[in-house]
Protein backbone atom coordinates (compact mmCIF):
# COMPACT_ATOMS: atom_id res chain seq x y z
CA MET A 1 14.99 -51.56 10.88
CA THR A 2 13.08 -48.49 10.86
CA ASP A 3 9.76 -50.32 9.39
CA LYS A 4 9.83 -51.83 13.07
CA LEU A 5 9.52 -48.38 14.94
CA PRO A 6 6.07 -47.75 16.41
CA HIS A 7 4.08 -45.70 13.04
CA VAL A 8 2.37 -42.62 13.96
CA VAL A 9 0.56 -40.71 11.48
CA VAL A 10 -0.51 -37.20 11.91
CA VAL A 11 -3.76 -35.75 9.80
CA GLY A 12 -3.60 -32.33 9.29
CA ALA A 13 -0.19 -29.92 8.88
CA GLY A 14 -2.26 -26.93 11.06
CA PHE A 15 -1.72 -25.71 14.15
CA GLY A 16 -2.32 -29.17 15.70
CA GLY A 17 -0.69 -31.52 13.04
CA VAL A 18 2.90 -29.45 13.64
CA ALA A 19 2.88 -29.61 17.61
CA ALA A 20 2.08 -32.92 17.09
CA ILE A 21 5.25 -33.50 15.25
CA LYS A 22 7.69 -31.24 16.85
CA ALA A 23 6.36 -32.84 20.29
CA LEU A 24 7.45 -36.18 18.50
CA ALA A 25 10.77 -35.14 17.41
CA SER A 26 12.38 -36.78 20.35
CA PHE A 27 10.46 -40.47 20.36
CA ASN A 28 11.84 -43.09 18.45
CA VAL A 29 9.29 -43.55 15.99
CA LYS A 30 8.31 -43.14 12.27
CA ILE A 31 6.35 -40.23 11.46
CA THR A 32 4.05 -40.04 8.10
CA LEU A 33 2.09 -36.34 7.83
CA VAL A 34 -0.73 -36.64 5.81
CA ASP A 35 -2.37 -33.22 4.38
CA ARG A 36 -4.00 -31.79 1.03
CA THR A 37 -0.96 -29.57 0.43
CA ASN A 38 2.38 -29.30 0.94
CA TYR A 39 2.43 -26.35 3.69
CA HIS A 40 1.52 -25.40 6.96
CA LEU A 41 -1.55 -22.50 6.92
CA PHE A 42 -1.09 -19.60 9.61
CA GLN A 43 -5.32 -19.46 9.49
CA PRO A 44 -5.23 -16.08 11.88
CA LEU A 45 -3.76 -13.87 8.84
CA LEU A 46 -6.00 -15.11 6.24
CA TYR A 47 -8.10 -11.85 6.50
CA GLN A 48 -5.17 -10.08 5.46
CA LEU A 49 -4.52 -12.17 2.70
CA SER A 50 -7.96 -11.45 1.75
CA THR A 51 -7.70 -7.92 2.16
CA SER A 52 -4.41 -7.32 0.36
CA VAL A 53 -2.23 -6.97 3.11
CA LEU A 54 -0.20 -10.17 2.84
CA SER A 55 0.36 -12.48 -0.10
CA THR A 56 0.61 -16.58 0.21
CA ASP A 57 3.75 -17.04 0.73
CA ASP A 58 3.86 -14.54 3.80
CA ILE A 59 1.52 -16.97 5.39
CA SER A 60 2.50 -20.30 4.42
CA PHE A 61 5.81 -22.18 4.88
CA PRO A 62 6.60 -25.68 3.37
CA VAL A 63 6.30 -28.79 5.15
CA ARG A 64 9.08 -30.81 4.08
CA ALA A 65 11.44 -27.87 4.57
CA MET A 66 9.93 -27.26 8.23
CA PHE A 67 10.92 -30.38 9.20
CA ARG A 68 13.85 -31.47 7.20
CA LYS A 69 15.99 -31.62 10.64
CA MET A 70 14.00 -34.70 11.57
CA ARG A 71 14.54 -38.02 9.29
CA ASN A 72 12.00 -40.03 11.14
CA ILE A 73 9.29 -37.82 9.46
CA ASP A 74 7.71 -37.74 5.51
CA LEU A 75 5.18 -36.04 3.80
CA PHE A 76 2.30 -38.19 1.87
CA MET A 77 0.47 -35.10 0.09
CA ALA A 78 -3.43 -36.88 0.30
CA LYS A 79 -6.88 -36.23 1.06
CA ALA A 80 -7.76 -38.47 4.02
CA VAL A 81 -10.97 -39.55 3.22
CA GLY A 82 -11.94 -42.78 6.08
CA ILE A 83 -10.26 -43.99 9.28
CA ASP A 84 -10.66 -47.56 9.45
CA GLY A 85 -10.04 -48.09 13.53
CA LYS A 86 -10.51 -51.67 13.97
CA ASN A 87 -7.65 -53.04 11.58
CA LYS A 88 -5.63 -49.43 12.18
CA ILE A 89 -5.21 -48.16 8.20
CA LEU A 90 -5.84 -44.25 7.29
CA HIS A 91 -7.79 -44.26 3.46
CA THR A 92 -6.36 -41.34 1.28
CA ASN A 93 -7.54 -40.95 -1.96
CA HIS A 94 -3.94 -41.90 -3.06
CA GLY A 95 -3.62 -45.81 -1.03
CA ASP A 96 -4.16 -46.44 2.57
CA ILE A 97 -1.91 -45.89 5.27
CA ALA A 98 -1.18 -48.68 8.08
CA TYR A 99 -0.79 -46.99 11.39
CA ASP A 100 -0.02 -47.87 15.38
CA TYR A 101 -1.70 -44.80 16.34
CA LEU A 102 -3.15 -41.92 15.13
CA ILE A 103 -3.46 -38.15 15.68
CA VAL A 104 -6.77 -36.80 13.39
CA ALA A 105 -5.94 -33.07 13.24
CA ALA A 106 -7.63 -32.56 10.14
CA GLY A 107 -8.76 -29.30 10.95
CA ALA A 108 -12.96 -27.40 10.15
CA THR A 109 -14.37 -26.09 7.24
CA ASN A 110 -16.81 -23.45 7.45
CA ASN A 111 -20.01 -24.24 9.29
CA PHE A 112 -23.34 -22.76 7.39
CA PHE A 113 -26.06 -25.02 9.35
CA GLY A 114 -27.63 -26.44 6.65
CA MET A 115 -28.62 -23.21 4.64
CA GLU A 116 -28.23 -24.31 0.86
CA ASN A 117 -27.87 -21.21 -0.82
CA VAL A 118 -25.72 -19.09 1.82
CA ALA A 119 -23.44 -22.53 1.43
CA LYS A 120 -23.60 -21.84 -2.24
CA TYR A 121 -23.25 -17.86 -2.39
CA ALA A 122 -21.35 -16.17 0.75
CA TYR A 123 -17.52 -16.37 0.89
CA GLY A 124 -15.96 -18.61 3.47
CA MET A 125 -12.88 -18.01 4.60
CA LYS A 126 -10.54 -21.16 5.83
CA THR A 127 -8.36 -21.53 2.97
CA ILE A 128 -5.66 -19.71 0.95
CA GLN A 129 -8.04 -20.47 -2.24
CA GLU A 130 -11.15 -19.01 -0.07
CA ALA A 131 -8.96 -15.84 1.09
CA LEU A 132 -8.12 -15.09 -2.79
CA HIS A 133 -11.20 -15.56 -4.15
CA ILE A 134 -12.29 -12.89 -1.49
CA ARG A 135 -9.55 -10.53 -3.07
CA ASN A 136 -9.93 -10.89 -6.36
CA HIS A 137 -13.94 -10.28 -6.09
CA VAL A 138 -13.62 -7.32 -3.67
CA LEU A 139 -10.92 -6.07 -5.82
CA HIS A 140 -13.53 -6.81 -8.94
CA MET A 141 -16.58 -4.85 -7.22
CA PHE A 142 -14.96 -2.19 -7.41
CA GLU A 143 -13.86 -2.41 -11.13
CA ARG A 144 -17.22 -2.81 -11.97
CA ALA A 145 -18.74 -0.15 -10.19
CA ASN A 146 -16.47 2.26 -11.68
CA LYS A 147 -17.71 1.66 -15.14
CA GLN A 148 -21.68 1.36 -13.86
CA ILE A 149 -22.95 5.21 -14.50
CA ASP A 150 -25.66 4.45 -14.76
CA SER A 151 -27.32 2.94 -12.09
CA GLU A 152 -27.05 3.69 -8.33
CA SER A 153 -28.85 0.84 -6.83
CA VAL A 154 -26.52 -1.57 -8.64
CA ARG A 155 -23.03 0.50 -7.50
CA ARG A 156 -24.39 0.32 -4.07
CA GLN A 157 -24.85 -3.18 -4.56
CA MET A 158 -21.58 -4.22 -5.57
CA LEU A 159 -20.23 -1.87 -2.78
CA THR A 160 -21.76 -3.31 0.08
CA PHE A 161 -19.75 -6.04 1.88
CA ILE A 162 -21.18 -8.10 4.40
CA CYS A 163 -18.91 -10.00 6.92
CA VAL A 164 -21.53 -13.05 8.85
CA GLY A 165 -19.88 -13.69 12.26
CA GLY A 166 -18.71 -11.25 15.12
CA GLY A 167 -16.27 -13.63 16.17
CA PRO A 168 -12.49 -12.59 15.72
CA THR A 169 -12.92 -13.48 12.30
CA GLY A 170 -15.44 -11.49 11.23
CA VAL A 171 -14.10 -8.14 13.22
CA GLU A 172 -10.37 -8.58 11.45
CA GLU A 173 -11.87 -9.05 8.12
CA ALA A 174 -14.85 -6.01 8.68
CA GLY A 175 -12.03 -3.63 10.10
CA ALA A 176 -9.51 -4.34 7.51
CA LEU A 177 -12.37 -3.88 4.50
CA ALA A 178 -12.62 -0.47 5.62
CA GLU A 179 -9.57 0.35 5.59
CA LEU A 180 -8.88 -1.32 2.22
CA VAL A 181 -11.59 1.08 1.15
CA ALA A 182 -9.54 4.15 2.68
CA VAL A 183 -7.33 2.58 0.47
CA GLN A 184 -9.40 2.62 -2.72
CA LYS A 185 -10.57 6.41 -2.14
CA LYS A 186 -7.37 7.43 -3.42
CA ASP A 187 -7.21 5.54 -6.33
CA TYR A 188 -10.78 5.48 -8.24
CA LYS A 189 -11.30 9.61 -8.83
CA TYR A 190 -15.11 9.43 -10.19
CA LEU A 191 -16.40 6.79 -7.62
CA ASN A 192 -18.81 7.80 -5.22
CA PHE A 193 -17.70 6.41 -1.72
CA ASP A 194 -20.80 7.71 0.09
CA GLU A 195 -21.68 4.38 -1.70
CA VAL A 196 -19.83 2.06 0.22
CA SER A 197 -21.00 0.02 3.14
CA ILE A 198 -19.75 -2.74 4.91
CA LYS A 199 -21.60 -4.07 7.77
CA LEU A 200 -20.63 -6.92 10.38
CA ILE A 201 -23.74 -9.50 11.50
CA GLU A 202 -23.72 -11.37 14.80
CA ALA A 203 -26.96 -13.26 15.81
CA THR A 204 -25.74 -13.35 19.50
CA ASP A 205 -25.92 -9.66 21.53
CA ARG A 206 -22.16 -9.12 21.68
CA LEU A 207 -19.27 -9.43 19.44
CA LEU A 208 -16.25 -11.36 20.83
CA PRO A 209 -17.62 -13.06 23.23
CA MET A 210 -14.44 -14.13 25.14
CA MET A 211 -13.73 -10.69 25.78
CA PRO A 212 -14.61 -8.94 28.84
CA GLU A 213 -17.45 -6.00 27.99
CA LYS A 214 -15.26 -3.02 28.35
CA LEU A 215 -13.16 -3.98 25.08
CA ARG A 216 -16.69 -5.68 23.24
CA ASN A 217 -17.66 -2.21 23.65
CA TYR A 218 -14.50 -0.41 22.87
CA THR A 219 -14.22 -2.77 19.56
CA MET A 220 -18.03 -1.45 18.65
CA LYS A 221 -16.48 1.98 18.95
CA VAL A 222 -13.60 1.28 16.64
CA LEU A 223 -15.27 -0.83 13.99
CA LYS A 224 -18.37 2.10 13.88
CA LYS A 225 -15.34 5.20 13.85
CA LYS A 226 -14.52 2.59 10.54
CA GLY A 227 -17.12 3.35 8.64
CA VAL A 228 -18.88 0.12 9.69
CA GLU A 229 -22.27 -1.11 10.61
CA VAL A 230 -22.60 -3.47 13.44
CA MET A 231 -25.84 -5.06 13.70
CA LEU A 232 -26.30 -7.16 16.66
CA ASN A 233 -28.90 -9.65 17.74
CA THR A 234 -29.26 -10.37 13.81
CA ALA A 235 -29.94 -13.97 12.58
CA VAL A 236 -29.68 -14.97 8.46
CA ALA A 237 -32.48 -17.03 7.10
CA ASP A 238 -31.32 -17.06 3.55
CA CYS A 239 -28.82 -15.72 0.95
CA SER A 240 -28.94 -15.58 -3.20
CA GLU A 241 -26.58 -13.73 -5.53
CA ASP A 242 -28.29 -10.45 -5.12
CA GLY A 243 -28.23 -10.28 -1.26
CA LEU A 244 -29.24 -11.37 2.75
CA THR A 245 -31.99 -12.09 3.45
CA LEU A 246 -32.16 -11.29 7.60
CA LYS A 247 -34.65 -13.65 9.81
CA ASP A 248 -36.94 -10.35 9.97
CA GLY A 249 -37.70 -10.71 6.62
CA THR A 250 -35.46 -7.93 5.63
CA PHE A 251 -33.07 -8.13 2.03
CA ILE A 252 -30.22 -6.57 2.37
CA PRO A 253 -28.71 -6.21 -1.18
CA SER A 254 -25.02 -6.98 -2.03
CA LYS A 255 -22.85 -9.01 -4.56
CA THR A 256 -20.45 -9.72 -1.22
CA ILE A 257 -21.30 -11.74 2.06
CA ILE A 258 -18.55 -13.31 3.93
CA TRP A 259 -18.92 -15.85 6.11
CA SER A 260 -17.14 -16.64 9.82
CA ALA A 261 -19.74 -17.45 11.83
CA GLY A 262 -19.03 -21.07 12.44
CA VAL A 263 -16.66 -24.11 11.30
CA ARG A 264 -17.65 -27.62 11.08
CA ALA A 265 -14.61 -30.46 11.74
CA ASN A 266 -13.53 -32.30 9.18
CA GLN A 267 -15.78 -34.79 7.36
CA LEU A 268 -12.90 -37.47 8.01
CA VAL A 269 -13.67 -37.81 11.95
CA SER A 270 -17.19 -38.81 10.97
CA THR A 271 -16.07 -42.13 9.20
CA ILE A 272 -14.71 -43.64 12.83
CA GLY A 273 -18.13 -44.04 13.72
CA THR A 274 -18.00 -42.76 17.08
CA GLU A 275 -20.06 -40.33 18.48
CA CYS A 276 -19.93 -36.67 17.50
CA ASP A 277 -21.48 -33.38 18.33
CA LYS A 278 -23.46 -31.15 15.90
CA ALA A 279 -20.58 -29.30 14.53
CA GLY A 280 -19.21 -32.81 13.75
CA ARG A 281 -16.13 -33.23 16.21
CA ILE A 282 -15.57 -36.26 18.09
CA ILE A 283 -16.62 -36.41 21.62
CA VAL A 284 -13.51 -37.93 23.30
CA GLU A 285 -12.33 -39.22 26.63
CA LYS A 286 -10.17 -36.70 29.24
CA THR A 287 -7.29 -38.43 27.72
CA LEU A 288 -8.38 -37.19 24.22
CA GLN A 289 -8.50 -40.61 23.08
CA VAL A 290 -11.53 -41.61 21.01
CA PRO A 291 -13.79 -43.88 22.44
CA GLY A 292 -13.00 -47.67 21.98
CA TYR A 293 -10.17 -46.99 20.01
CA PRO A 294 -7.47 -46.29 22.10
CA GLU A 295 -4.82 -46.02 19.33
CA ILE A 296 -6.35 -42.70 18.19
CA PHE A 297 -5.89 -39.31 19.42
CA ALA A 298 -8.19 -35.94 18.23
CA ILE A 299 -7.36 -32.95 18.94
CA GLY A 300 -8.22 -28.84 18.00
CA ASP A 301 -10.85 -28.31 15.66
CA ASN A 302 -11.72 -32.54 15.28
CA ALA A 303 -12.56 -33.09 19.03
CA HIS A 304 -15.09 -31.96 21.54
CA PHE A 305 -13.80 -31.73 24.87
CA LEU A 306 -15.91 -30.32 27.82
CA GLN A 307 -13.96 -28.37 30.19
CA ASP A 308 -15.88 -26.46 33.09
CA GLY A 309 -19.04 -28.09 31.53
CA ARG A 310 -18.36 -25.85 28.22
CA PRO A 311 -16.55 -27.76 24.81
CA LEU A 312 -13.08 -26.09 24.28
CA ALA A 313 -13.09 -23.46 21.79
CA THR A 314 -11.69 -24.50 18.24
CA VAL A 315 -9.06 -21.95 18.58
CA ALA A 316 -5.32 -22.29 18.13
CA PRO A 317 -4.17 -22.72 21.49
CA VAL A 318 -6.17 -25.39 22.39
CA ALA A 319 -5.23 -27.60 19.13
CA ILE A 320 -1.37 -27.02 20.53
CA GLN A 321 -1.80 -27.74 24.03
CA GLU A 322 -3.97 -30.91 23.03
CA ALA A 323 -1.54 -31.63 20.88
CA LYS A 324 1.52 -32.24 23.20
CA LEU A 325 -0.55 -34.17 25.54
CA ALA A 326 -1.65 -36.73 22.51
CA VAL A 327 1.89 -37.57 21.97
CA ARG A 328 2.69 -37.73 25.75
CA ASN A 329 0.21 -40.21 25.93
CA ILE A 330 1.03 -41.74 23.03
CA GLY A 331 4.46 -41.78 24.63
CA GLU A 332 2.98 -43.94 27.48
CA LEU A 333 1.06 -46.62 25.34
CA ILE A 334 4.64 -47.30 23.67
CA LYS A 335 6.33 -47.88 26.81
CA GLY A 336 3.21 -49.93 27.61
CA ARG A 337 1.86 -48.02 30.33
CA SER A 338 -2.10 -48.14 30.55
CA SER A 339 -2.36 -44.71 33.29
CA LEU A 340 -2.76 -41.76 30.66
CA GLN A 341 -2.23 -38.07 31.80
CA GLU A 342 -6.28 -35.98 31.61
CA PHE A 343 -6.34 -32.87 29.55
CA THR A 344 -6.55 -29.64 30.95
CA TYR A 345 -6.95 -26.58 28.75
CA VAL A 346 -4.70 -23.37 30.48
CA ASP A 347 -6.30 -20.32 29.03
CA HIS A 348 -3.71 -18.03 28.51
CA GLY A 349 -6.23 -15.01 27.05
CA SER A 350 -7.54 -13.75 23.73
CA MET A 351 -6.54 -11.17 21.35
CA ALA A 352 -7.95 -9.74 18.03
CA THR A 353 -7.15 -6.97 15.65
CA ILE A 354 -9.61 -4.28 14.80
CA GLY A 355 -7.12 -2.60 12.07
CA ARG A 356 -4.35 -0.56 11.81
CA CYS A 357 -3.14 0.68 15.44
CA GLU A 358 -5.61 -1.09 17.44
CA ALA A 359 -6.56 -4.50 19.16
CA VAL A 360 -7.81 -5.53 22.23
CA VAL A 361 -5.90 -8.04 24.46
CA SER A 362 -7.68 -10.04 27.53
CA TRP A 363 -4.80 -11.36 28.86
CA GLY A 364 -5.50 -12.42 33.18
CA CYS A 365 -5.15 -8.29 34.43
CA LEU A 366 -4.15 -7.38 31.75
CA ARG A 367 -6.86 -6.09 29.57
CA THR A 368 -6.08 -3.60 26.66
CA GLY A 369 -7.13 -1.97 23.41
CA GLY A 370 -5.88 0.26 20.95
CA PHE A 371 -1.80 0.83 19.68
CA PHE A 372 -0.70 -0.62 23.03
CA ALA A 373 -2.44 -3.54 22.48
CA TRP A 374 -1.95 -3.99 18.51
CA CYS A 375 1.95 -3.69 18.64
CA ILE A 376 1.42 -7.04 21.71
CA TRP A 377 -0.48 -8.66 19.01
CA MET A 378 1.81 -7.55 15.97
CA PHE A 379 4.83 -9.26 17.95
CA LEU A 380 3.37 -12.74 19.45
CA HIS A 381 1.97 -13.33 15.27
CA LEU A 382 5.09 -12.50 14.32
CA LEU A 383 6.77 -15.05 16.80
CA ARG A 384 4.08 -17.73 15.82
CA LEU A 385 5.21 -17.57 11.92
CA GLU A 386 6.89 -20.47 10.76
CA GLY A 387 10.29 -19.47 8.99
CA THR A 388 12.69 -16.41 8.90
CA TYR A 389 11.26 -14.72 5.51
CA GLU A 390 8.26 -14.91 6.92
CA ASP A 391 8.94 -12.66 9.73
CA ILE A 392 10.94 -10.44 8.24
CA THR A 393 8.50 -9.72 5.06
CA VAL A 394 5.27 -9.90 7.05
CA GLY A 395 6.95 -7.03 9.86
CA THR A 396 8.33 -5.13 6.71
CA LYS A 397 5.01 -5.36 5.47
CA TRP A 398 3.03 -4.40 8.36
CA LEU A 399 5.76 -1.36 8.67
CA TRP A 400 5.32 -0.24 5.70
CA ASN A 401 1.24 -0.21 6.43
CA PHE A 402 1.64 1.30 9.27
CA LEU A 403 3.82 4.20 7.93
CA SER A 404 1.81 5.13 5.04
CA GLY A 405 -1.68 2.54 4.78
CA THR A 406 -0.76 1.19 1.40
CA ARG A 407 -1.82 -1.92 0.65
CA LEU A 408 0.75 -3.82 -1.52
CA GLY A 409 -1.26 -6.61 -2.43
CA ARG A 410 -4.05 -4.82 -4.46
CA ILE A 411 -3.85 -7.83 -7.62
CA ILE A 412 -6.48 -9.50 -9.59
CA THR A 413 -5.10 -13.19 -10.10
CA ASN A 414 -7.75 -14.71 -11.94
CA ILE A 415 -8.34 -12.08 -14.82
CA GLN A 416 -9.18 -14.74 -18.04
CA PHE A 417 -7.79 -13.87 -20.92
CA ASP A 418 -8.77 -14.68 -25.00
């Protein structure tokens, strides 16, 4: 009898996909979640994994455990590779899945804007593997610089850390790296930390463009106090294993270029065959349906939705709100109704942390920076984490970091043994 139920397939276990499944909990449907991994990743805290604050299990939660009380859902762990909208089939590397309704919430990848060398040599930060790669690499740089006693230029190259992108991820990564350097000072007795340099590069004239000017200026002030060199109106032209080349011809020697300058939709969405924007996102209808395929809904990083003349940002709150409306409209289609609700995003504000005891928050009339904003940021992130274990362990580690400044996760895990 279950096989006769409408089959809703959700691609992606990110914020949008998880919100969609939770909204489907009360529906009499069969649900299949398709994802390459078996966990939900809390991406906003990846930067803390990359800078040795948190561990992998602090920011991820097993999908099957998350939905174990829902008897009408199953996880199909596979890579979705194509969508046949005409025949209502999702192609994966482990077989095809027929659907009645499809929610595409497959997330995004790093956008290197066609710069092949940047894609080859820069470090992205969209997955656990990428964040661990950054952590291992950064810790390795201190170890190698500590052994490089003959060449100051080589040491400086190893100890120059560049973050590209002035959005929340770039700001948070740069601030966290500066605090990691402060911790490392206590352990490396013979390393000259005057040779360490942290640079935050942004192509436009402002950091955190979603913030009011007062909080942008505050962010700049805090970053500079932490020792981060902020370079605005600075565009990247090329990259190599030895450093970064700017559009004005300047070359910055560095072994560490962390890229957070943009995202691109998962290539899956392009297989539908409808119009996409420059970032690979499907230009959806007001109901979040894919033009020509009323059974397919695209949300989050995979949807180009215009509101007030601009496409909505690729952030978690947008994906979550879109997921709820997509599910509501699927419910209407199941009932045979053709009049669907149009999506309107309600912006509840934005926030970003700049490091320990420092954050900026902009919520309507509340626009503040500093310790109070940091407390708000911590509280809301703990609320959004999945699982009691994550809440307890992350909260405990944050408290310990607040009291002592210690980074317990400074473990190099990619050492090869003979």
